[in-house]
Structures are given as C-alpha cells and as structure tokens.
C-alpha atoms as a PDB file:
ATOM      1  CA  UNK A   1      -7.492  -6.909   9.377  1.00  0.00           C
ATOM      2  CA  UNK A   2      -4.198  -5.424  10.574  1.00  0.00           C
ATOM      3  CA  UNK A   3      -1.699  -3.819   8.217  1.00  0.00           C
ATOM      4  CA  UNK A   4       0.734  -6.584   7.250  1.00  0.00           C
ATOM      5  CA  UNK A   5       4.410  -5.968   6.512  1.00  0.00           C
ATOM      6  CA  UNK A   6       5.678  -7.754   3.424  1.00  0.00           C
ATOM      7  CA  UNK A   7       8.964  -8.364   1.652  1.00  0.00           C
ATOM      8  CA  UNK A   8      10.083  -9.352  -1.834  1.00  0.00           C
ATOM      9  CA  UNK A   9       9.627 -12.960  -0.728  1.00  0.00           C
ATOM     10  CA  UNK A  10       6.211 -12.737   0.957  1.00  0.00           C
ATOM     11  CA  UNK A  11       3.848 -10.394  -0.909  1.00  0.00           C
ATOM     12  CA  UNK A  12       3.027 -12.767  -3.759  1.00  0.00           C
ATOM     13  CA  UNK A  13       2.026 -15.466  -1.264  1.00  0.00           C
ATOM     14  CA  UNK A  14      -0.524 -13.227   0.511  1.00  0.00           C
ATOM     15  CA  UNK A  15      -3.959 -14.623  -0.453  1.00  0.00           C
ATOM     16  CA  UNK A  16      -5.332 -11.098  -0.853  1.00  0.00           C
ATOM     17  CA  UNK A  17      -2.630 -10.270  -3.417  1.00  0.00           C
ATOM     18  CA  UNK A  18      -3.972 -12.727  -5.983  1.00  0.00           C
ATOM     19  CA  UNK A  19      -7.442 -13.456  -4.644  1.00  0.00           C
ATOM     20  CA  UNK A  20      -8.953 -10.145  -3.656  1.00  0.00           C
ATOM     21  CA  UNK A  21      -8.557  -6.426  -3.192  1.00  0.00           C
ATOM     22  CA  UNK A  22      -5.519  -5.095  -1.396  1.00  0.00           C
ATOM     23  CA  UNK A  23      -3.838  -1.738  -0.847  1.00  0.00           C
ATOM     24  CA  UNK A  24      -0.062  -1.970  -1.172  1.00  0.00           C
ATOM     25  CA  UNK A  25       1.714   0.848   0.641  1.00  0.00           C
ATOM     26  CA  UNK A  26       5.359   1.588  -0.101  1.00  0.00           C
ATOM     27  CA  UNK A  27       6.716   3.494   2.875  1.00  0.00           C
ATOM     28  CA  UNK A  28       9.864   4.175   4.861  1.00  0.00           C
ATOM     29  CA  UNK A  29      10.204   4.691   8.629  1.00  0.00           C
ATOM     30  CA  UNK A  30      11.900   8.100   8.165  1.00  0.00           C
ATOM     31  CA  UNK A  31       9.174   9.434   5.821  1.00  0.00           C
ATOM     32  CA  UNK A  32       6.953  12.022   7.576  1.00  0.00           C
ATOM     33  CA  UNK A  33       4.056  11.875   5.073  1.00  0.00           C
ATOM     34  CA  UNK A  34       4.207   8.078   5.312  1.00  0.00           C
ATOM     35  CA  UNK A  35       3.588   8.250   9.062  1.00  0.00           C
ATOM     36  CA  UNK A  36       0.558  10.484   8.520  1.00  0.00           C
ATOM     37  CA  UNK A  37      -0.760   8.125   5.859  1.00  0.00           C
ATOM     38  CA  UNK A  38      -0.165   5.132   8.119  1.00  0.00           C
ATOM     39  CA  UNK A  39      -2.442   6.693  10.756  1.00  0.00           C
ATOM     40  CA  UNK A  40      -5.101   7.335   8.100  1.00  0.00           C
ATOM     41  CA  UNK A  41      -4.914   3.739   6.904  1.00  0.00           C
ATOM     42  CA  UNK A  42      -5.487   2.529  10.454  1.00  0.00           C
ATOM     43  CA  UNK A  43      -9.022   3.894  10.111  1.00  0.00           C
ATOM     44  CA  UNK A  44      -9.835   1.765   7.037  1.00  0.00           C
ATOM     45  CA  UNK A  45      -7.891  -1.418   7.765  1.00  0.00           C
ATOM     46  CA  UNK A  46     -11.112  -3.167   8.793  1.00  0.00           C
ATOM     47  CA  UNK A  47     -12.546  -2.488   5.311  1.00  0.00           C
ATOM     48  CA  UNK A  48      -9.675  -3.570   3.042  1.00  0.00           C
ATOM     49  CA  UNK A  49      -6.498  -5.626   3.256  1.00  0.00           C
ATOM     50  CA  UNK A  50      -3.349  -3.483   3.485  1.00  0.00           C
ATOM     51  CA  UNK A  51       0.209  -4.593   2.798  1.00  0.00           C
ATOM     52  CA  UNK A  52       3.180  -2.425   3.775  1.00  0.00           C
ATOM     53  CA  UNK A  53       6.530  -2.665   1.977  1.00  0.00           C
ATOM     54  CA  UNK A  54       9.775  -0.792   2.663  1.00  0.00           C
ATOM     55  CA  UNK A  55      11.202  -0.221  -0.832  1.00  0.00           C
ATOM     56  CA  UNK A  56      14.763   0.367   0.418  1.00  0.00           C
ATOM     57  CA  UNK A  57      14.800  -3.157   1.864  1.00  0.00           C
ATOM     58  CA  UNK A  58      12.829  -4.790  -0.964  1.00  0.00           C
ATOM     59  CA  UNK A  59      14.334  -3.787  -4.311  1.00  0.00           C
ATOM     60  CA  UNK A  60      12.443  -6.474  -6.214  1.00  0.00           C
ATOM     61  CA  UNK A  61       9.051  -5.009  -5.318  1.00  0.00           C
ATOM     62  CA  UNK A  62      10.382  -1.462  -5.652  1.00  0.00           C
ATOM     63  CA  UNK A  63      11.371  -2.201  -9.249  1.00  0.00           C
ATOM     64  CA  UNK A  64       8.328  -4.317 -10.087  1.00  0.00           C
ATOM     65  CA  UNK A  65       5.992  -1.506  -8.981  1.00  0.00           C
ATOM     66  CA  UNK A  66       8.296   1.265 -10.304  1.00  0.00           C
ATOM     67  CA  UNK A  67       8.384   3.052  -6.934  1.00  0.00           C
ATOM     68  CA  UNK A  68      10.271   6.348  -7.227  1.00  0.00           C
ATOM     69  CA  UNK A  69       9.067   8.089  -4.041  1.00  0.00           C
ATOM     70  CA  UNK A  70       7.383   7.360  -0.740  1.00  0.00           C
ATOM     71  CA  UNK A  71       4.629   7.080   0.069  1.00  0.00           C
ATOM     72  CA  UNK A  72       3.322   5.291  -2.988  1.00  0.00           C
ATOM     73  CA  UNK A  73       0.007   3.444  -2.843  1.00  0.00           C
ATOM     74  CA  UNK A  74      -1.357   0.823  -5.193  1.00  0.00           C
ATOM     75  CA  UNK A  75      -4.884  -0.557  -5.185  1.00  0.00           C
ATOM     76  CA  UNK A  76      -4.887  -4.085  -6.584  1.00  0.00           C
ATOM     77  CA  UNK A  77      -7.687  -6.506  -7.354  1.00  0.00           C
ATOM     78  CA  UNK A  78      -6.571 -10.106  -7.896  1.00  0.00           C
ATOM     79  CA  UNK A  79      -3.091  -8.820  -8.726  1.00  0.00           C
ATOM     80  CA  UNK A  80      -4.273  -6.261 -11.299  1.00  0.00           C
ATOM     81  CA  UNK A  81      -3.555  -2.570 -10.696  1.00  0.00           C
ATOM     82  CA  UNK A  82      -6.739  -0.533 -10.311  1.00  0.00           C
ATOM     83  CA  UNK A  83      -5.234   2.684  -9.003  1.00  0.00           C
ATOM     84  CA  UNK A  84      -1.886   4.287  -8.125  1.00  0.00           C
ATOM     85  CA  UNK A  85      -1.094   7.322  -5.965  1.00  0.00           C
ATOM     86  CA  UNK A  86       2.302   8.893  -5.318  1.00  0.00           C
ATOM     87  CA  UNK A  87       2.314  10.992  -2.159  1.00  0.00           C
ATOM     88  CA  UNK A  88      -0.111  11.052   0.727  1.00  0.00           C
ATOM     89  CA  UNK A  89      -3.787  11.786   0.122  1.00  0.00           C
ATOM     90  CA  UNK A  90      -4.834  15.246   1.244  1.00  0.00           C
ATOM     91  CA  UNK A  91      -8.030  14.113   2.992  1.00  0.00           C
ATOM     92  CA  UNK A  92      -9.974  11.125   4.285  1.00  0.00           C
ATOM     93  CA  UNK A  93     -12.343  11.530   1.346  1.00  0.00           C
ATOM     94  CA  UNK A  94      -9.476  11.344  -1.138  1.00  0.00           C
ATOM     95  CA  UNK A  95      -8.130   8.187   0.545  1.00  0.00           C
ATOM     96  CA  UNK A  96     -11.554   6.535   0.534  1.00  0.00           C
ATOM     97  CA  UNK A  97     -12.094   7.482  -3.097  1.00  0.00           C
ATOM     98  CA  UNK A  98      -8.671   6.089  -4.054  1.00  0.00           C
ATOM     99  CA  UNK A  99      -9.397   2.817  -2.210  1.00  0.00           C
ATOM    100  CA  UNK A 100     -12.872   2.678  -3.776  1.00  0.00           C
ATOM    101  CA  UNK A 101     -14.557   2.332  -0.379  1.00  0.00           C
END
C-alpha cells in the first residue's frame, strides 16, 4: 500500500483511520529527518497503512494530534492512539517496534 497524503478534510474518511491500523506521519518537505524517515517507511508500507500529513498546511490535524515538531508519528488502531513518537527512529528495529510489526 503506498504512503497516502492526507489533509484536514481527508484523513477521517480513510477507511484505515477508523477501521484498522495506520501510521500517521506528520512531516514537512524541508525537514531532513523527515526525509530519512520517509525512506525508512517505504520499506514497511506493504505491511501497514501509512498516512502523511503536512502540519503547516493542515492546522486542524496539527492541533488535534498536538504536533509540536516534525517528524511526529502516531500508530492508530481504529482511530485510537496506540503509540506516539516525536523525532525519527534511530534504527529499523526501533521503527518496527514502534509500528508493532
């Protein structure tokens, strides 16, 4: 499943957001650690749904998820928060552990 870009208006309508497990990545194009994390996520996108949100363009989601820095990752299951990480994981193992894969 490819990484899907979402906005304030579209995330809630993603079937994975309310019906399954999804990683929500808050990232910005200019963020160096975000780019590194994006490459890491490309390796697990076949195992879990991933939604990408630019907080500067989506203040509703930024506020709803209390995003203060990028990257910020949330692991959700049926809309409930299972895990949160601020900053990029330091290893593949840490990313996999965070995503519960």
